[in-house]
Amino acid sequence: MRVKVKLFGPLREKLPPEKQKIPIEVELPEGATVQDVATLLGIGNVGAVILVNDQETHRGKQLSDGDVVSFFPPLAGGFSDVCKSPFLK
């Protein structure tokens, strides 16, 4: 089966330059998971927010032909950082 993969930020930079265009298409065996994609692309267990077809998911999610898998680097900060903003005083 074939799936499209989108890597963002530093995750994309881990790929060779010729593969940094998004999306990239990969061939996988039936029953492959998001983790299989991560391993194939050399990002293994690197922290990431993962979406399959624009829905947040986990690395054990089984994929189907035509799926789009997106890996985003972890987000930093949070609500407490926003509350410290001088603009909110």
Protein backbone atom coordinates (compact mmCIF):
# COMPACT_ATOMS: atom_id res chain seq x y z
CA MET A 1 0.00 0.00 0.00
CA ARG A 2 1.05 3.59 -0.51
CA VAL A 3 0.74 6.43 2.01
CA LYS A 4 1.73 10.08 1.87
CA VAL A 5 3.90 11.46 4.65
CA LYS A 6 4.38 15.06 5.74
CA LEU A 7 7.22 15.95 8.12
CA PHE A 8 7.46 19.43 9.59
CA GLY A 9 10.24 21.49 11.19
CA PRO A 10 13.30 19.66 12.48
CA LEU A 11 11.73 16.28 11.67
CA ARG A 12 11.86 17.08 7.94
CA GLU A 13 15.49 18.17 8.27
CA LYS A 14 16.43 14.61 9.30
CA LEU A 15 15.70 13.46 5.73
CA PRO A 16 18.19 13.69 2.86
CA PRO A 17 17.67 16.93 0.86
CA GLU A 18 16.08 15.11 -2.10
CA LYS A 19 13.36 13.73 0.20
CA GLN A 20 12.56 16.97 2.04
CA LYS A 21 9.74 17.91 -0.33
CA ILE A 22 6.32 17.30 1.20
CA PRO A 23 4.40 15.18 0.94
CA ILE A 24 6.57 12.17 0.20
CA GLU A 25 5.01 8.89 -0.82
CA VAL A 26 6.14 5.59 0.69
CA GLU A 27 5.31 1.98 -0.07
CA LEU A 28 4.39 -0.15 2.96
CA PRO A 29 3.14 -3.70 3.50
CA GLU A 30 -0.51 -4.20 4.40
CA GLY A 31 -1.02 -3.86 8.15
CA ALA A 32 1.77 -1.29 8.56
CA THR A 33 1.51 1.22 11.40
CA VAL A 34 2.52 4.82 12.01
CA GLN A 35 5.56 3.45 13.87
CA ASP A 36 6.59 1.55 10.73
CA VAL A 37 6.55 4.85 8.81
CA ALA A 38 8.62 6.56 11.52
CA THR A 39 11.16 3.73 11.48
CA LEU A 40 11.34 3.73 7.68
CA LEU A 41 12.06 7.47 7.63
CA GLY A 42 14.68 7.26 10.39
CA ILE A 43 12.76 9.26 12.99
CA GLY A 44 12.02 6.21 15.16
CA ASN A 45 10.72 7.23 18.57
CA VAL A 46 11.46 10.95 18.27
CA GLY A 47 8.75 12.94 20.05
CA ALA A 48 6.08 14.14 17.63
CA VAL A 49 2.44 15.06 17.34
CA ILE A 50 1.03 12.63 14.79
CA LEU A 51 -2.00 13.03 12.55
CA VAL A 52 -3.50 10.51 10.14
CA ASN A 53 -5.90 12.12 7.68
CA ASP A 54 -5.97 15.26 9.89
CA GLN A 55 -6.97 13.31 13.03
CA GLU A 56 -4.56 13.05 15.98
CA THR A 57 -3.45 9.49 16.58
CA HIS A 58 -0.75 7.24 18.09
CA ARG A 59 2.18 5.26 16.71
CA GLY A 60 0.30 1.95 16.89
CA LYS A 61 -2.40 3.14 14.47
CA GLN A 62 -2.75 0.75 11.54
CA LEU A 63 -2.68 2.52 8.19
CA SER A 64 -4.72 2.08 5.03
CA ASP A 65 -3.84 2.67 1.40
CA GLY A 66 -4.02 6.38 0.58
CA ASP A 67 -3.69 7.64 4.17
CA VAL A 68 -1.82 10.88 4.84
CA VAL A 69 0.46 10.75 7.90
CA SER A 70 1.76 14.03 9.34
CA PHE A 71 4.51 14.35 11.96
CA PHE A 72 4.86 17.66 13.81
CA PRO A 73 7.63 18.42 16.31
CA PRO A 74 6.42 18.67 19.91
CA LEU A 75 5.05 22.05 20.86
CA ALA A 76 6.67 24.00 23.71
CA GLY A 77 5.18 26.32 26.23
CA GLY A 78 1.58 26.35 27.27
CA PHE A 79 -1.10 28.24 29.09
CA SER A 80 1.15 29.30 31.99
CA ASP A 81 3.55 30.95 29.50
CA VAL A 82 0.66 32.86 27.92
CA CYS A 83 -0.45 34.10 31.37
CA LYS A 84 3.01 35.64 31.91
CA SER A 85 2.64 37.77 28.79
CA PRO A 86 2.85 41.53 29.50
CA PHE A 87 -0.02 41.96 27.05
CA LEU A 88 -2.43 40.21 29.41
CA LYS A 89 -1.89 42.49 32.40
